[in-house]
Amino acid sequence: MCQHRYISNAEVCCSPVTERPMSAGEAETAARMFKALGDPVRLRLFSAVASHEGGEACVCDISDVGVSQPTVSHHLKKLKEAGLLTSERRGTWVYYRVEPAVLAAMGRLLVGSSAAALT
């Protein structure tokens, strides 16, 4: 998935659920993202990448999630397919990152304008 499409996916699901009903396309995109995060291993991998210093993590730094390396690769692929991660190969290692637009879009989707009420 190219980066342009990736950012577009994040923007598709930006409207808060409290603002208006979701369109079919928005619901599909959001469901794909949340389905990918519905697996505990994927959620741990996503969190490891998102919280890693510098905003990106080498696969060698995030593989310790209690499953085999091929399984880690499978889960990272699913997170990429859902538009949650991007990756870049550098030599023999692959580095993953969560685009800030994805985190912002997910936050707006769930919290939306009620975020101001929480602060």
Protein backbone atom coordinates (compact mmCIF):
# COMPACT_ATOMS: atom_id res chain seq x y z
CA MET A 1 0.00 0.00 0.00
CA CYS A 2 1.53 3.32 -0.97
CA GLN A 3 1.85 6.11 1.57
CA HIS A 4 -0.67 8.35 -0.23
CA ARG A 5 -3.37 5.68 -0.03
CA TYR A 6 -2.40 5.02 3.58
CA ILE A 7 -2.98 8.62 4.63
CA SER A 8 -6.21 8.71 2.63
CA ASN A 9 -7.47 5.69 4.60
CA ALA A 10 -6.79 7.54 7.84
CA GLU A 11 -8.64 10.61 6.64
CA VAL A 12 -11.65 8.57 5.50
CA CYS A 13 -12.51 7.63 9.06
CA CYS A 14 -11.88 10.99 10.70
CA SER A 15 -15.44 12.08 11.47
CA PRO A 16 -16.42 11.40 15.08
CA VAL A 17 -19.17 8.83 15.54
CA THR A 18 -21.06 11.43 17.59
CA GLU A 19 -21.03 13.95 14.72
CA ARG A 20 -23.04 12.03 12.11
CA PRO A 21 -23.76 8.48 10.99
CA MET A 22 -20.86 6.84 9.18
CA SER A 23 -21.01 6.21 5.47
CA ALA A 24 -20.53 2.65 4.23
CA GLY A 25 -16.96 3.46 3.13
CA GLU A 26 -16.07 5.08 6.45
CA ALA A 27 -17.46 2.10 8.35
CA GLU A 28 -15.51 -0.34 6.18
CA THR A 29 -12.25 1.51 6.73
CA ALA A 30 -12.78 1.87 10.48
CA ALA A 31 -13.87 -1.76 10.85
CA ARG A 32 -10.76 -2.96 8.99
CA MET A 33 -8.55 -0.94 11.34
CA PHE A 34 -10.29 -2.05 14.52
CA LYS A 35 -10.51 -5.67 13.36
CA ALA A 36 -6.75 -5.68 12.89
CA LEU A 37 -6.32 -4.32 16.43
CA GLY A 38 -8.77 -6.89 17.82
CA ASP A 39 -6.01 -9.49 18.08
CA PRO A 40 -3.90 -9.19 21.27
CA VAL A 41 -0.61 -9.87 19.46
CA ARG A 42 -1.38 -7.25 16.81
CA LEU A 43 -2.39 -4.75 19.45
CA ARG A 44 0.90 -5.35 21.28
CA LEU A 45 2.89 -4.95 18.05
CA PHE A 46 1.01 -1.77 17.13
CA SER A 47 1.63 -0.38 20.61
CA ALA A 48 5.32 -1.33 20.46
CA VAL A 49 5.75 0.54 17.19
CA ALA A 50 3.67 3.55 18.24
CA SER A 51 5.51 3.95 21.55
CA HIS A 52 9.01 3.24 20.24
CA GLU A 53 11.53 6.06 20.48
CA GLY A 54 11.60 8.09 17.28
CA GLY A 55 8.19 6.85 16.16
CA GLU A 56 9.50 3.82 14.32
CA ALA A 57 10.78 0.41 15.30
CA CYS A 58 12.92 -2.25 13.70
CA VAL A 59 11.22 -5.62 13.54
CA CYS A 60 14.20 -6.91 15.52
CA ASP A 61 13.17 -4.65 18.45
CA ILE A 62 9.49 -5.62 18.61
CA SER A 63 9.48 -9.37 17.94
CA ASP A 64 9.31 -10.48 21.57
CA VAL A 65 5.53 -10.89 21.85
CA GLY A 66 5.40 -14.59 22.65
CA VAL A 67 4.94 -15.94 19.13
CA SER A 68 7.31 -17.19 16.41
CA GLN A 69 8.97 -14.83 13.93
CA PRO A 70 6.78 -16.01 11.01
CA THR A 71 3.71 -15.26 13.13
CA VAL A 72 5.05 -11.79 13.97
CA SER A 73 5.55 -11.17 10.24
CA HIS A 74 1.99 -12.31 9.55
CA HIS A 75 0.56 -9.94 12.15
CA LEU A 76 2.66 -7.01 10.93
CA LYS A 77 1.42 -7.69 7.40
CA LYS A 78 -2.19 -7.58 8.63
CA LEU A 79 -1.54 -4.25 10.39
CA LYS A 80 -0.06 -2.86 7.16
CA GLU A 81 -2.99 -4.12 5.10
CA ALA A 82 -5.37 -2.38 7.49
CA GLY A 83 -3.51 0.90 6.95
CA LEU A 84 -2.20 1.08 10.50
CA LEU A 85 1.52 0.70 9.78
CA THR A 86 3.95 1.58 7.03
CA SER A 87 7.31 -0.08 6.58
CA GLU A 88 10.68 0.51 5.00
CA ARG A 89 13.42 -2.03 4.37
CA ARG A 90 16.91 -0.91 5.36
CA GLY A 91 19.47 -3.54 4.56
CA THR A 92 18.31 -6.81 6.10
CA TRP A 93 15.88 -5.20 8.58
CA VAL A 94 12.40 -3.78 8.15
CA TYR A 95 11.39 -0.68 10.09
CA TYR A 96 7.75 0.00 10.93
CA ARG A 97 6.05 3.26 11.78
CA VAL A 98 2.59 4.48 12.69
CA GLU A 99 1.74 7.65 10.82
CA PRO A 100 0.51 10.38 13.18
CA ALA A 101 -2.51 10.82 10.90
CA VAL A 102 -3.67 7.30 11.78
CA LEU A 103 -3.51 7.87 15.52
CA ALA A 104 -5.22 11.25 15.15
CA ALA A 105 -7.96 9.79 12.95
CA MET A 106 -8.64 6.92 15.35
CA GLY A 107 -8.78 9.31 18.27
CA ARG A 108 -11.17 11.66 16.47
CA LEU A 109 -13.35 8.75 15.42
CA LEU A 110 -13.85 7.56 18.98
CA VAL A 111 -13.58 10.74 21.01
CA GLY A 112 -14.39 13.48 18.54
CA SER A 113 -15.64 16.71 19.95
CA SER A 114 -16.16 15.19 23.40
CA ALA A 115 -12.38 15.29 23.87
CA ALA A 116 -12.72 18.91 25.00
CA ALA A 117 -15.18 17.82 27.70
CA LEU A 118 -12.61 15.36 29.08
CA THR A 119 -9.90 17.98 29.57
